[in-house]
Amino acid sequence: MKSIKLHLFLIFISGLTILFGSLIINSLNKYERLRATEIEIENQILAEKKKGEELLEELEYNKSDAFVEKIARERLNLVMPDEILFYNEEQ
């Protein structure tokens, strides 16, 4: 009788160990997946922040006199009052 109870108790303990072991393994796997997702999202956030900073720098440049002069020269073919514009007729 004692050996049957002991045997059943050991089976019960083994079952609980397997159950809790599988729960722990599943939890660790889920944690690892979530952690990988978190790292990926953090990297995306850093990339977007960098992109935002670059856009702010570009916006500041677009407000500058140097940008206005560049656009006036390239797109409108304007020159400064003391400059002479030469054209190449072969083009």
Protein backbone atom coordinates (compact mmCIF):
# COMPACT_ATOMS: atom_id res chain seq x y z
CA MET A 1 0.00 0.00 0.00
CA LYS A 2 2.79 2.41 0.89
CA SER A 3 4.65 1.62 -2.30
CA ILE A 4 1.52 2.29 -4.39
CA LYS A 5 0.97 5.66 -2.68
CA LEU A 6 4.65 6.48 -3.07
CA HIS A 7 4.52 5.44 -6.72
CA LEU A 8 1.41 7.57 -7.35
CA PHE A 9 2.99 10.49 -5.47
CA LEU A 10 6.14 10.26 -7.61
CA ILE A 11 4.04 10.13 -10.79
CA PHE A 12 2.08 13.17 -9.58
CA ILE A 13 5.29 15.08 -8.76
CA SER A 14 6.79 14.09 -12.12
CA GLY A 15 3.67 15.31 -13.90
CA LEU A 16 3.77 18.63 -12.04
CA THR A 17 7.47 19.00 -12.83
CA ILE A 18 6.83 18.38 -16.52
CA LEU A 19 3.86 20.78 -16.50
CA PHE A 20 5.75 23.58 -14.77
CA GLY A 21 8.84 22.92 -16.89
CA SER A 22 6.85 23.26 -20.09
CA LEU A 23 5.17 26.42 -18.78
CA ILE A 24 8.56 27.92 -17.94
CA ILE A 25 9.99 27.00 -21.35
CA ASN A 26 6.96 28.50 -23.13
CA SER A 27 7.25 31.65 -21.04
CA LEU A 28 10.96 31.97 -21.81
CA ASN A 29 10.32 31.50 -25.53
CA LYS A 30 7.60 34.14 -25.45
CA TYR A 31 9.89 36.47 -23.50
CA GLU A 32 12.67 36.02 -26.06
CA ARG A 33 10.29 36.76 -28.94
CA LEU A 34 8.94 39.84 -27.18
CA ARG A 35 12.45 41.01 -26.34
CA ALA A 36 13.50 40.62 -29.99
CA THR A 37 10.42 42.59 -31.06
CA GLU A 38 11.25 45.28 -28.49
CA ILE A 39 14.81 45.59 -29.79
CA GLU A 40 13.54 45.81 -33.37
CA ILE A 41 11.07 48.55 -32.43
CA GLU A 42 13.76 50.45 -30.51
CA ASN A 43 15.99 50.31 -33.59
CA GLN A 44 13.12 51.61 -35.72
CA ILE A 45 12.56 54.44 -33.24
CA LEU A 46 16.25 55.40 -33.38
CA ALA A 47 16.19 55.31 -37.19
CA GLU A 48 13.08 57.52 -37.29
CA LYS A 49 14.61 59.97 -34.80
CA LYS A 50 17.72 60.20 -36.97
CA LYS A 51 15.57 60.72 -40.05
CA GLY A 52 13.62 63.44 -38.23
CA GLU A 53 16.85 65.19 -37.25
CA GLU A 54 18.05 65.04 -40.85
CA LEU A 55 14.76 66.51 -42.05
CA LEU A 56 15.02 69.32 -39.49
CA GLU A 57 18.56 70.07 -40.71
CA GLU A 58 17.32 70.10 -44.31
CA LEU A 59 14.46 72.41 -43.33
CA GLU A 60 16.88 74.80 -41.66
CA TYR A 61 19.09 74.72 -44.75
CA ASN A 62 16.07 75.41 -46.96
CA LYS A 63 15.43 78.56 -44.94
CA SER A 64 18.99 79.82 -45.45
CA ASP A 65 20.22 82.40 -47.94
CA ALA A 66 22.64 79.83 -49.39
CA PHE A 67 19.73 77.60 -50.40
CA VAL A 68 17.80 80.48 -51.94
CA GLU A 69 20.87 81.49 -53.93
CA LYS A 70 21.48 77.90 -55.06
CA ILE A 71 17.89 77.50 -56.30
CA ALA A 72 17.97 80.90 -57.99
CA ARG A 73 21.16 79.96 -59.84
CA GLU A 74 20.22 76.38 -60.78
CA ARG A 75 16.53 76.63 -61.59
CA LEU A 76 16.01 80.24 -62.54
CA ASN A 77 19.42 80.89 -64.12
CA LEU A 78 19.80 84.08 -62.09
CA VAL A 79 23.14 85.67 -61.33
CA MET A 80 24.39 88.20 -58.84
CA PRO A 81 24.43 91.83 -60.08
CA ASP A 82 28.23 91.85 -60.53
CA GLU A 83 28.38 88.50 -62.39
CA ILE A 84 28.18 87.72 -66.09
CA LEU A 85 26.38 84.64 -67.35
CA PHE A 86 27.91 82.83 -70.34
CA TYR A 87 25.94 80.34 -72.45
CA ASN A 88 27.40 77.59 -74.58
CA GLU A 89 25.51 77.58 -77.88
CA GLU A 90 26.59 74.06 -78.76
CA GLN A 91 24.45 72.48 -76.03
